[in-house]
Amino acid sequence: MNRLFTPIALFSFAFATAVFAQADKPLLNETALPVIAAPSFVEPLVAPFATAKGQWIPADGVLSVVDIPAEKHIPVLHHKVGLASAVIELEFRLDGAGSFLVGCDSDKHVGRVVINAKGLSIAEDSVKPSHTIAQLPLVVKQGEWHKLRVEWKGDQMAARLGSSELRAKHDYFAQAKMRSWLAATQSVKVRNFKISGESASAKP
């Protein structure tokens, strides 16, 4: 039987809501989390950031993405700090067809927020390909900066794109995290990037 239809999976299957909300209001983490990273994108990225695929080039406050076709994989940037609770804030721009993703991993992928020209979705990665459990159709215009906030806590992930919110819940999201990541096609640029969070060991 497909694991998605077992009683446990049915109990933990996603819930999602789409609402309009204040831009800086917390999604899941009601208490402010400590800032872990806020790169300026004026100077080169340093550890714990690490390029996994493609090239991520900071200059003049903007992070640009370069695809390397021989890698046969979308460009990926890792931040190698495991956060049980996290808030990721940034602005991104699509300068052509493509997609932008924010995710988290244990030793394998755990969950991801996916954005393209047609909207916003949240997926969990207990199966391959990743399983979309919440989606919100939106027009994401090219050539404009869009404000994004992504949060995770326990078995939940949430995202706010502009004034639109999407939330999802799944048991697999509660996996211990080893890192967070960005993935993007070459058409994407990023600025005003900040990661706030708390590791499992930091909790009493």
N, C-alpha and C. Protein backbone atom coordinates (compact mmCIF):
# COMPACT_ATOMS: atom_id res chain seq x y z
N MET A 1 0.85 -1.20 0.00
CA MET A 1 0.00 0.00 0.00
C MET A 1 0.88 1.25 0.00
N ASN A 2 0.50 2.23 -0.79
CA ASN A 2 1.23 3.48 -0.81
C ASN A 2 1.22 4.11 0.57
N ARG A 3 2.41 4.51 1.08
CA ARG A 3 2.51 5.02 2.43
C ARG A 3 1.67 6.27 2.66
N LEU A 4 1.32 6.99 1.57
CA LEU A 4 0.55 8.22 1.72
C LEU A 4 -0.86 7.93 2.20
N PHE A 5 -1.30 6.67 2.09
CA PHE A 5 -2.67 6.36 2.44
C PHE A 5 -2.76 5.45 3.66
N THR A 6 -1.65 5.29 4.39
CA THR A 6 -1.69 4.57 5.65
C THR A 6 -2.40 5.43 6.68
N PRO A 7 -2.95 4.83 7.75
CA PRO A 7 -3.64 5.65 8.77
C PRO A 7 -2.78 6.76 9.34
N ILE A 8 -1.47 6.45 9.57
CA ILE A 8 -0.59 7.48 10.13
C ILE A 8 -0.47 8.64 9.17
N ALA A 9 -0.27 8.31 7.88
CA ALA A 9 -0.10 9.38 6.89
C ALA A 9 -1.37 10.20 6.76
N LEU A 10 -2.52 9.53 6.81
CA LEU A 10 -3.77 10.28 6.72
C LEU A 10 -3.92 11.23 7.90
N PHE A 11 -3.49 10.79 9.08
CA PHE A 11 -3.56 11.63 10.27
C PHE A 11 -2.65 12.82 10.14
N SER A 12 -1.46 12.61 9.52
CA SER A 12 -0.47 13.67 9.45
C SER A 12 -0.53 14.45 8.15
N PHE A 13 -1.48 14.09 7.27
CA PHE A 13 -1.54 14.72 5.96
C PHE A 13 -1.71 16.22 6.11
N ALA A 14 -1.25 16.95 5.14
CA ALA A 14 -1.10 18.40 5.26
C ALA A 14 -2.41 19.13 5.44
N PHE A 15 -2.34 20.20 6.18
CA PHE A 15 -3.39 21.19 6.13
C PHE A 15 -2.76 22.45 5.57
N ALA A 16 -3.54 23.24 4.88
CA ALA A 16 -2.98 24.46 4.29
C ALA A 16 -4.04 25.55 4.30
N THR A 17 -3.60 26.77 4.49
CA THR A 17 -4.49 27.90 4.44
C THR A 17 -3.81 29.02 3.67
N ALA A 18 -4.58 29.76 2.95
CA ALA A 18 -4.07 30.92 2.22
C ALA A 18 -4.81 32.14 2.73
N VAL A 19 -4.10 33.11 3.25
CA VAL A 19 -4.72 34.29 3.83
C VAL A 19 -3.91 35.51 3.46
N PHE A 20 -4.46 36.66 3.77
CA PHE A 20 -3.74 37.90 3.62
C PHE A 20 -3.32 38.38 4.99
N ALA A 21 -2.06 38.82 5.13
CA ALA A 21 -1.54 39.12 6.47
C ALA A 21 -0.52 40.23 6.41
N GLN A 22 -0.22 40.75 7.61
CA GLN A 22 0.81 41.77 7.76
C GLN A 22 2.16 41.21 7.36
N ALA A 23 2.95 41.98 6.62
CA ALA A 23 4.17 41.47 5.99
C ALA A 23 5.18 40.91 6.98
N ASP A 24 5.36 41.54 8.14
CA ASP A 24 6.41 41.13 9.06
C ASP A 24 5.89 40.31 10.24
N LYS A 25 4.63 39.99 10.24
CA LYS A 25 4.05 39.22 11.34
C LYS A 25 4.58 37.79 11.30
N PRO A 26 4.91 37.21 12.47
CA PRO A 26 5.39 35.82 12.49
C PRO A 26 4.36 34.86 11.91
N LEU A 27 4.85 33.78 11.33
CA LEU A 27 3.99 32.74 10.78
C LEU A 27 3.81 31.59 11.77
N LEU A 28 4.93 31.05 12.26
CA LEU A 28 4.91 29.91 13.18
C LEU A 28 5.64 30.20 14.48
N ASN A 29 6.72 30.96 14.39
CA ASN A 29 7.58 31.23 15.55
C ASN A 29 7.18 32.56 16.18
N GLU A 30 6.37 32.49 17.22
CA GLU A 30 5.84 33.70 17.82
C GLU A 30 6.90 34.50 18.56
N THR A 31 7.93 33.83 19.05
CA THR A 31 9.04 34.51 19.72
C THR A 31 10.15 34.79 18.72
N ALA A 32 10.72 35.99 18.76
CA ALA A 32 11.80 36.33 17.84
C ALA A 32 12.98 35.39 18.03
N LEU A 33 13.52 34.89 16.94
CA LEU A 33 14.65 33.98 16.98
C LEU A 33 15.95 34.74 16.72
N PRO A 34 17.07 34.28 17.28
CA PRO A 34 18.35 34.98 17.06
C PRO A 34 18.78 34.93 15.60
N VAL A 35 19.37 36.02 15.13
CA VAL A 35 19.87 36.07 13.75
C VAL A 35 21.12 35.20 13.64
N ILE A 36 21.11 34.28 12.69
CA ILE A 36 22.22 33.36 12.46
C ILE A 36 23.13 33.86 11.33
N ALA A 37 22.52 34.43 10.31
CA ALA A 37 23.31 34.91 9.16
C ALA A 37 22.55 36.02 8.46
N ALA A 38 23.30 37.03 8.01
CA ALA A 38 22.73 38.12 7.23
C ALA A 38 23.81 38.64 6.29
N PRO A 39 24.15 37.85 5.27
CA PRO A 39 25.24 38.26 4.36
C PRO A 39 24.88 39.53 3.59
N SER A 40 25.90 40.36 3.38
CA SER A 40 25.69 41.64 2.70
C SER A 40 25.59 41.48 1.19
N PHE A 41 26.12 40.42 0.66
CA PHE A 41 26.25 40.20 -0.78
C PHE A 41 27.11 41.28 -1.45
N VAL A 42 27.95 41.89 -0.64
CA VAL A 42 28.98 42.80 -1.15
C VAL A 42 30.30 42.05 -1.21
N GLU A 43 30.52 41.21 -0.21
CA GLU A 43 31.75 40.42 -0.14
C GLU A 43 31.46 38.96 -0.45
N PRO A 44 32.48 38.14 -0.74
CA PRO A 44 32.26 36.72 -1.03
C PRO A 44 31.59 36.00 0.13
N LEU A 45 30.79 35.00 -0.18
CA LEU A 45 30.17 34.18 0.84
C LEU A 45 31.22 33.29 1.51
N VAL A 46 31.09 33.12 2.81
CA VAL A 46 32.03 32.30 3.56
C VAL A 46 31.25 31.27 4.37
N ALA A 47 31.96 30.29 4.93
CA ALA A 47 31.35 29.26 5.76
C ALA A 47 30.56 29.93 6.91
N PRO A 48 29.39 29.36 7.24
CA PRO A 48 28.89 28.04 6.85
C PRO A 48 28.10 27.98 5.56
N PHE A 49 28.16 29.04 4.72
CA PHE A 49 27.58 28.92 3.39
C PHE A 49 28.50 28.09 2.51
N ALA A 50 27.92 27.29 1.62
CA ALA A 50 28.71 26.46 0.72
C ALA A 50 27.91 26.22 -0.56
N THR A 51 28.56 26.43 -1.69
CA THR A 51 27.91 26.17 -2.97
C THR A 51 27.88 24.67 -3.23
N ALA A 52 26.68 24.15 -3.47
CA ALA A 52 26.53 22.73 -3.78
C ALA A 52 26.44 22.50 -5.28
N LYS A 53 25.74 23.39 -5.99
CA LYS A 53 25.61 23.29 -7.44
C LYS A 53 25.58 24.69 -8.04
N GLY A 54 26.06 24.81 -9.27
CA GLY A 54 26.05 26.09 -9.94
C GLY A 54 27.02 27.07 -9.32
N GLN A 55 26.80 28.35 -9.60
CA GLN A 55 27.58 29.43 -8.99
C GLN A 55 26.63 30.44 -8.38
N TRP A 56 27.02 30.95 -7.21
CA TRP A 56 26.24 31.97 -6.51
C TRP A 56 27.18 33.15 -6.30
N ILE A 57 26.93 34.23 -7.03
CA ILE A 57 27.88 35.34 -7.12
C ILE A 57 27.31 36.59 -6.45
N PRO A 58 27.90 37.01 -5.31
CA PRO A 58 27.45 38.24 -4.66
C PRO A 58 28.17 39.45 -5.23
N ALA A 59 27.42 40.51 -5.44
CA ALA A 59 28.02 41.77 -5.91
C ALA A 59 27.02 42.90 -5.70
N ASP A 60 27.50 43.99 -5.11
CA ASP A 60 26.68 45.19 -4.94
C ASP A 60 25.37 44.92 -4.21
N GLY A 61 25.39 44.00 -3.25
CA GLY A 61 24.21 43.73 -2.45
C GLY A 61 23.22 42.75 -3.05
N VAL A 62 23.57 42.16 -4.18
CA VAL A 62 22.66 41.23 -4.87
C VAL A 62 23.39 39.92 -5.13
N LEU A 63 22.71 38.81 -4.90
CA LEU A 63 23.25 37.49 -5.16
C LEU A 63 22.68 36.97 -6.48
N SER A 64 23.55 36.73 -7.44
CA SER A 64 23.14 36.24 -8.76
C SER A 64 23.46 34.75 -8.89
N VAL A 65 22.66 34.07 -9.68
CA VAL A 65 22.78 32.63 -9.85
C VAL A 65 23.26 32.31 -11.26
N VAL A 66 24.23 31.40 -11.37
CA VAL A 66 24.74 30.96 -12.66
C VAL A 66 24.60 29.45 -12.75
N ASP A 67 23.90 28.98 -13.74
CA ASP A 67 23.73 27.55 -13.96
C ASP A 67 24.97 26.98 -14.65
N ILE A 68 25.34 25.76 -14.28
CA ILE A 68 26.42 25.03 -14.95
C ILE A 68 25.78 23.81 -15.62
N PRO A 69 25.49 23.87 -16.91
CA PRO A 69 24.75 22.80 -17.58
C PRO A 69 25.33 21.41 -17.38
N ALA A 70 26.67 21.30 -17.30
CA ALA A 70 27.29 19.99 -17.15
C ALA A 70 26.90 19.30 -15.84
N GLU A 71 26.50 20.08 -14.83
CA GLU A 71 26.10 19.49 -13.56
C GLU A 71 24.72 18.84 -13.62
N LYS A 72 23.92 19.24 -14.61
CA LYS A 72 22.58 18.67 -14.81
C LYS A 72 21.75 18.76 -13.54
N HIS A 73 21.84 19.90 -12.87
CA HIS A 73 21.09 20.11 -11.62
C HIS A 73 20.91 21.61 -11.41
N ILE A 74 19.78 21.99 -10.90
CA ILE A 74 19.53 23.39 -10.58
C ILE A 74 20.58 23.89 -9.57
N PRO A 75 21.07 25.12 -9.68
CA PRO A 75 22.02 25.65 -8.70
C PRO A 75 21.47 25.61 -7.28
N VAL A 76 22.33 25.23 -6.32
CA VAL A 76 21.94 25.08 -4.92
C VAL A 76 22.99 25.72 -4.03
N LEU A 77 22.54 26.48 -3.03
CA LEU A 77 23.41 27.07 -2.03
C LEU A 77 23.01 26.55 -0.66
N HIS A 78 23.95 25.93 0.06
CA HIS A 78 23.70 25.40 1.39
C HIS A 78 24.10 26.40 2.47
N HIS A 79 23.35 26.39 3.57
CA HIS A 79 23.78 27.03 4.81
C HIS A 79 23.84 25.92 5.84
N LYS A 80 25.06 25.54 6.21
CA LYS A 80 25.28 24.30 6.96
C LYS A 80 25.15 24.48 8.47
N VAL A 81 23.97 24.92 8.87
CA VAL A 81 23.61 25.03 10.28
C VAL A 81 22.23 24.41 10.44
N GLY A 82 22.13 23.41 11.31
CA GLY A 82 20.84 22.77 11.51
C GLY A 82 19.97 23.55 12.47
N LEU A 83 18.78 23.91 12.04
CA LEU A 83 17.88 24.73 12.85
C LEU A 83 16.55 24.02 13.03
N ALA A 84 16.20 23.76 14.28
CA ALA A 84 14.91 23.12 14.56
C ALA A 84 13.76 24.07 14.28
N SER A 85 13.98 25.35 14.58
CA SER A 85 13.02 26.41 14.28
C SER A 85 13.75 27.47 13.48
N ALA A 86 13.12 27.99 12.45
CA ALA A 86 13.84 28.93 11.58
C ALA A 86 12.89 29.93 10.95
N VAL A 87 13.46 31.11 10.68
CA VAL A 87 12.81 32.14 9.88
C VAL A 87 13.81 32.58 8.82
N ILE A 88 13.43 32.47 7.57
CA ILE A 88 14.29 32.90 6.46
C ILE A 88 13.56 34.03 5.74
N GLU A 89 14.22 35.18 5.67
CA GLU A 89 13.63 36.36 5.04
C GLU A 89 14.54 36.82 3.91
N LEU A 90 13.93 37.23 2.81
CA LEU A 90 14.71 37.69 1.66
C LEU A 90 13.79 38.36 0.66
N GLU A 91 14.41 38.96 -0.34
CA GLU A 91 13.71 39.43 -1.53
C GLU A 91 14.33 38.72 -2.72
N PHE A 92 13.50 38.34 -3.68
CA PHE A 92 14.01 37.69 -4.89
C PHE A 92 13.34 38.30 -6.12
N ARG A 93 13.99 38.09 -7.25
CA ARG A 93 13.46 38.58 -8.52
C ARG A 93 13.63 37.51 -9.58
N LEU A 94 12.60 37.31 -10.39
CA LEU A 94 12.68 36.43 -11.54
C LEU A 94 12.87 37.29 -12.79
N ASP A 95 13.98 37.11 -13.45
CA ASP A 95 14.24 37.88 -14.66
C ASP A 95 13.96 37.07 -15.92
N GLY A 96 13.26 35.96 -15.75
CA GLY A 96 12.89 35.09 -16.87
C GLY A 96 12.14 33.90 -16.32
N ALA A 97 11.80 32.97 -17.20
CA ALA A 97 11.11 31.77 -16.75
C ALA A 97 12.01 30.98 -15.80
N GLY A 98 11.43 30.42 -14.76
CA GLY A 98 12.23 29.63 -13.83
C GLY A 98 11.55 29.50 -12.49
N SER A 99 12.33 29.08 -11.50
CA SER A 99 11.77 28.84 -10.18
C SER A 99 12.78 29.18 -9.10
N PHE A 100 12.26 29.37 -7.89
CA PHE A 100 13.06 29.69 -6.73
C PHE A 100 12.57 28.82 -5.57
N LEU A 101 13.50 28.20 -4.83
CA LEU A 101 13.14 27.29 -3.77
C LEU A 101 13.91 27.61 -2.50
N VAL A 102 13.25 27.41 -1.35
CA VAL A 102 13.88 27.49 -0.04
C VAL A 102 13.54 26.19 0.69
N GLY A 103 14.57 25.49 1.21
CA GLY A 103 14.30 24.21 1.83
C GLY A 103 15.19 23.92 3.02
N CYS A 104 14.95 22.76 3.61
CA CYS A 104 15.75 22.29 4.74
C CYS A 104 15.97 20.79 4.60
N ASP A 105 17.10 20.32 5.15
CA ASP A 105 17.50 18.92 5.03
C ASP A 105 17.85 18.34 6.40
N SER A 106 17.69 17.03 6.51
CA SER A 106 18.40 16.25 7.52
C SER A 106 19.58 15.66 6.76
N ASP A 107 19.82 14.34 6.80
CA ASP A 107 20.80 13.76 5.89
C ASP A 107 20.21 13.61 4.50
N LYS A 108 18.89 13.81 4.40
CA LYS A 108 18.18 13.84 3.13
C LYS A 108 17.28 15.08 3.13
N HIS A 109 16.68 15.38 1.98
CA HIS A 109 15.75 16.51 1.92
C HIS A 109 14.57 16.27 2.86
N VAL A 110 14.12 17.35 3.50
CA VAL A 110 12.98 17.27 4.41
C VAL A 110 11.76 18.00 3.84
N GLY A 111 11.92 19.29 3.54
CA GLY A 111 10.80 20.06 3.02
C GLY A 111 11.27 21.24 2.21
N ARG A 112 10.35 21.80 1.45
CA ARG A 112 10.73 22.91 0.56
C ARG A 112 9.54 23.80 0.25
N VAL A 113 9.83 25.07 0.05
CA VAL A 113 8.89 26.03 -0.50
C VAL A 113 9.32 26.29 -1.93
N VAL A 114 8.38 26.23 -2.86
CA VAL A 114 8.68 26.36 -4.28
C VAL A 114 7.87 27.51 -4.86
N ILE A 115 8.54 28.38 -5.60
CA ILE A 115 7.88 29.52 -6.23
C ILE A 115 8.23 29.54 -7.71
N ASN A 116 7.22 29.72 -8.53
CA ASN A 116 7.44 29.98 -9.95
C ASN A 116 6.43 31.02 -10.41
N ALA A 117 6.37 31.26 -11.70
CA ALA A 117 5.52 32.34 -12.21
C ALA A 117 4.04 32.12 -11.91
N LYS A 118 3.65 30.87 -11.63
CA LYS A 118 2.24 30.55 -11.43
C LYS A 118 1.83 30.48 -9.96
N GLY A 119 2.81 30.56 -9.03
CA GLY A 119 2.39 30.54 -7.65
C GLY A 119 3.38 29.96 -6.67
N LEU A 120 2.84 29.59 -5.51
CA LEU A 120 3.59 29.19 -4.34
C LEU A 120 3.13 27.81 -3.90
N SER A 121 4.08 26.94 -3.51
CA SER A 121 3.69 25.62 -3.00
C SER A 121 4.67 25.19 -1.91
N ILE A 122 4.22 24.22 -1.11
CA ILE A 122 5.05 23.61 -0.07
C ILE A 122 5.03 22.10 -0.30
N ALA A 123 6.21 21.47 -0.22
CA ALA A 123 6.31 20.03 -0.45
C ALA A 123 7.10 19.38 0.66
N GLU A 124 6.82 18.09 0.89
CA GLU A 124 7.61 17.29 1.81
C GLU A 124 8.34 16.22 1.01
N ASP A 125 9.48 15.74 1.56
CA ASP A 125 10.39 14.92 0.78
C ASP A 125 10.55 13.50 1.32
N SER A 126 9.53 12.97 1.97
CA SER A 126 9.61 11.58 2.43
C SER A 126 9.49 10.60 1.27
N VAL A 127 9.02 11.09 0.12
CA VAL A 127 8.89 10.27 -1.08
C VAL A 127 9.56 10.99 -2.24
N LYS A 128 9.85 10.27 -3.30
CA LYS A 128 10.43 10.86 -4.50
C LYS A 128 9.49 10.60 -5.68
N PRO A 129 9.23 11.62 -6.50
CA PRO A 129 9.63 13.02 -6.31
C PRO A 129 8.93 13.63 -5.11
N SER A 130 9.40 14.80 -4.69
CA SER A 130 8.83 15.44 -3.52
C SER A 130 7.32 15.61 -3.68
N HIS A 131 6.62 15.55 -2.56
CA HIS A 131 5.17 15.48 -2.54
C HIS A 131 4.59 16.84 -2.17
N THR A 132 3.95 17.51 -3.12
CA THR A 132 3.34 18.81 -2.86
C THR A 132 2.11 18.61 -1.98
N ILE A 133 2.08 19.30 -0.84
CA ILE A 133 0.97 19.12 0.08
C ILE A 133 0.16 20.40 0.29
N ALA A 134 0.62 21.51 -0.25
CA ALA A 134 -0.14 22.76 -0.18
C ALA A 134 0.28 23.63 -1.36
N GLN A 135 -0.68 24.29 -1.97
CA GLN A 135 -0.33 25.17 -3.08
C GLN A 135 -1.30 26.33 -3.17
N LEU A 136 -0.79 27.42 -3.68
CA LEU A 136 -1.56 28.65 -3.80
C LEU A 136 -1.26 29.29 -5.15
N PRO A 137 -2.23 29.30 -6.06
CA PRO A 137 -2.02 29.95 -7.36
C PRO A 137 -1.85 31.46 -7.18
N LEU A 138 -0.81 32.00 -7.77
CA LEU A 138 -0.52 33.43 -7.73
C LEU A 138 0.17 33.82 -9.03
N VAL A 139 0.07 35.07 -9.38
CA VAL A 139 0.87 35.59 -10.48
C VAL A 139 2.13 36.20 -9.87
N VAL A 140 3.28 35.60 -10.13
CA VAL A 140 4.55 36.11 -9.64
C VAL A 140 5.25 36.78 -10.82
N LYS A 141 5.21 38.09 -10.84
CA LYS A 141 5.67 38.83 -12.02
C LYS A 141 7.19 38.81 -12.16
N GLN A 142 7.64 38.74 -13.39
CA GLN A 142 9.06 38.83 -13.69
C GLN A 142 9.50 40.29 -13.62
N GLY A 143 10.80 40.47 -13.32
CA GLY A 143 11.38 41.81 -13.32
C GLY A 143 11.01 42.66 -12.13
N GLU A 144 10.38 42.07 -11.10
CA GLU A 144 10.01 42.79 -9.89
C GLU A 144 10.57 42.07 -8.67
N TRP A 145 10.93 42.85 -7.64
CA TRP A 145 11.39 42.25 -6.40
C TRP A 145 10.19 41.82 -5.57
N HIS A 146 10.27 40.60 -5.04
CA HIS A 146 9.20 40.03 -4.23
C HIS A 146 9.74 39.68 -2.84
N LYS A 147 8.99 40.03 -1.81
CA LYS A 147 9.41 39.75 -0.44
C LYS A 147 8.89 38.37 -0.03
N LEU A 148 9.81 37.54 0.51
CA LEU A 148 9.47 36.18 0.90
C LEU A 148 9.90 35.94 2.35
N ARG A 149 9.05 35.28 3.10
CA ARG A 149 9.36 34.83 4.45
C ARG A 149 9.00 33.34 4.54
N VAL A 150 9.95 32.53 4.97
CA VAL A 150 9.73 31.09 5.14
C VAL A 150 10.03 30.73 6.59
N GLU A 151 9.17 29.93 7.20
CA GLU A 151 9.40 29.49 8.58
C GLU A 151 9.15 27.98 8.68
N TRP A 152 9.88 27.36 9.61
CA TRP A 152 9.51 26.01 10.01
C TRP A 152 9.65 25.87 11.51
N LYS A 153 8.84 24.98 12.05
CA LYS A 153 8.85 24.70 13.48
C LYS A 153 8.12 23.37 13.69
N GLY A 154 8.77 22.43 14.35
CA GLY A 154 8.13 21.14 14.59
C GLY A 154 7.71 20.49 13.29
N ASP A 155 6.44 20.11 13.18
CA ASP A 155 5.95 19.43 11.99
C ASP A 155 5.26 20.38 11.01
N GLN A 156 5.61 21.67 11.07
CA GLN A 156 4.96 22.65 10.20
C GLN A 156 5.97 23.46 9.39
N MET A 157 5.57 23.85 8.19
CA MET A 157 6.28 24.83 7.37
C MET A 157 5.27 25.85 6.89
N ALA A 158 5.74 27.08 6.70
CA ALA A 158 4.86 28.14 6.23
C ALA A 158 5.66 29.13 5.40
N ALA A 159 4.95 29.83 4.54
CA ALA A 159 5.60 30.84 3.70
C ALA A 159 4.65 32.01 3.49
N ARG A 160 5.25 33.19 3.41
CA ARG A 160 4.51 34.39 3.03
C ARG A 160 5.20 35.02 1.83
N LEU A 161 4.48 35.16 0.76
CA LEU A 161 4.97 35.81 -0.45
C LEU A 161 4.15 37.08 -0.64
N GLY A 162 4.80 38.23 -0.45
CA GLY A 162 4.04 39.47 -0.45
C GLY A 162 3.08 39.47 0.72
N SER A 163 1.78 39.52 0.43
CA SER A 163 0.76 39.50 1.49
C SER A 163 0.00 38.18 1.53
N SER A 164 0.43 37.19 0.76
CA SER A 164 -0.26 35.91 0.70
C SER A 164 0.50 34.86 1.49
N GLU A 165 -0.22 34.06 2.27
CA GLU A 165 0.39 33.06 3.13
C GLU A 165 -0.05 31.65 2.75
N LEU A 166 0.86 30.70 3.00
CA LEU A 166 0.56 29.29 2.79
C LEU A 166 1.20 28.51 3.93
N ARG A 167 0.46 27.56 4.50
CA ARG A 167 0.95 26.76 5.62
C ARG A 167 0.70 25.29 5.33
N ALA A 168 1.58 24.44 5.86
CA ALA A 168 1.41 23.01 5.69
C ALA A 168 1.94 22.28 6.91
N LYS A 169 1.36 21.12 7.18
CA LYS A 169 1.76 20.30 8.32
C LYS A 169 1.95 18.86 7.85
N HIS A 170 3.08 18.27 8.28
CA HIS A 170 3.35 16.87 7.94
C HIS A 170 4.37 16.33 8.94
N ASP A 171 4.18 15.07 9.35
CA ASP A 171 5.10 14.47 10.32
C ASP A 171 6.55 14.56 9.89
N TYR A 172 6.80 14.46 8.58
CA TYR A 172 8.18 14.41 8.09
C TYR A 172 8.93 15.73 8.32
N PHE A 173 8.20 16.83 8.43
CA PHE A 173 8.84 18.12 8.69
C PHE A 173 9.55 18.15 10.04
N ALA A 174 9.18 17.26 10.95
CA ALA A 174 9.76 17.27 12.30
C ALA A 174 11.13 16.60 12.36
N GLN A 175 11.64 16.11 11.23
CA GLN A 175 12.98 15.53 11.20
C GLN A 175 14.02 16.54 11.71
N ALA A 176 15.04 16.04 12.40
CA ALA A 176 16.14 16.90 12.82
C ALA A 176 16.83 17.49 11.60
N LYS A 177 17.12 18.78 11.64
CA LYS A 177 17.68 19.47 10.47
C LYS A 177 19.21 19.57 10.57
N MET A 178 19.87 19.45 9.40
CA MET A 178 21.32 19.62 9.31
C MET A 178 21.70 20.91 8.58
N ARG A 179 20.78 21.43 7.77
CA ARG A 179 21.11 22.62 6.98
C ARG A 179 19.84 23.17 6.35
N SER A 180 19.93 24.40 5.86
CA SER A 180 18.91 24.99 5.01
C SER A 180 19.55 25.27 3.65
N TRP A 181 18.73 25.59 2.66
CA TRP A 181 19.29 25.82 1.33
C TRP A 181 18.38 26.69 0.47
N LEU A 182 19.03 27.30 -0.51
CA LEU A 182 18.34 27.98 -1.61
C LEU A 182 18.63 27.22 -2.88
N ALA A 183 17.67 27.17 -3.76
CA ALA A 183 17.89 26.62 -5.10
C ALA A 183 17.17 27.53 -6.09
N ALA A 184 17.76 27.72 -7.24
CA ALA A 184 17.19 28.69 -8.17
C ALA A 184 17.69 28.45 -9.58
N THR A 185 16.87 28.81 -10.54
CA THR A 185 17.32 28.84 -11.92
C THR A 185 18.12 30.12 -12.16
N GLN A 186 18.77 30.19 -13.28
CA GLN A 186 19.68 31.29 -13.57
C GLN A 186 18.97 32.64 -13.65
N SER A 187 17.66 32.63 -13.81
CA SER A 187 16.91 33.88 -13.94
C SER A 187 16.70 34.59 -12.60
N VAL A 188 17.13 33.98 -11.49
CA VAL A 188 16.81 34.49 -10.16
C VAL A 188 17.94 35.34 -9.58
N LYS A 189 17.55 36.40 -8.87
CA LYS A 189 18.47 37.19 -8.06
C LYS A 189 17.88 37.33 -6.67
N VAL A 190 18.76 37.49 -5.66
CA VAL A 190 18.35 37.55 -4.25
C VAL A 190 19.03 38.73 -3.58
N ARG A 191 18.32 39.38 -2.65
CA ARG A 191 18.92 40.44 -1.84
C ARG A 191 18.23 40.46 -0.47
N ASN A 192 18.81 41.24 0.46
CA ASN A 192 18.24 41.41 1.80
C ASN A 192 17.90 40.07 2.45
N PHE A 193 18.89 39.21 2.51
CA PHE A 193 18.75 37.82 2.96
C PHE A 193 19.13 37.71 4.44
N LYS A 194 18.26 37.09 5.23
CA LYS A 194 18.54 36.91 6.65
C LYS A 194 17.99 35.57 7.13
N ILE A 195 18.80 34.85 7.90
CA ILE A 195 18.38 33.59 8.52
C ILE A 195 18.40 33.77 10.03
N SER A 196 17.27 33.50 10.66
CA SER A 196 17.17 33.49 12.11
C SER A 196 16.74 32.10 12.54
N GLY A 197 17.23 31.65 13.69
CA GLY A 197 16.82 30.31 14.07
C GLY A 197 17.36 29.86 15.40
N GLU A 198 16.95 28.65 15.75
CA GLU A 198 17.33 28.03 17.00
C GLU A 198 17.55 26.55 16.76
N SER A 199 18.67 26.05 17.22
CA SER A 199 18.95 24.62 17.08
C SER A 199 18.21 23.84 18.15
N ALA A 200 18.07 22.54 17.93
CA ALA A 200 17.40 21.69 18.91
C ALA A 200 18.13 21.73 20.25
N SER A 201 19.45 21.80 20.21
CA SER A 201 20.25 21.80 21.43
C SER A 201 20.11 23.08 22.24
N ALA A 202 19.63 24.16 21.57
CA ALA A 202 19.48 25.44 22.26
C ALA A 202 18.23 25.50 23.10
N LYS A 203 17.31 24.55 22.90
CA LYS A 203 16.05 24.56 23.64
C LYS A 203 16.23 23.93 25.01
N PRO A 204 15.54 24.43 26.04
CA PRO A 204 15.69 23.86 27.39
C PRO A 204 15.14 22.44 27.48
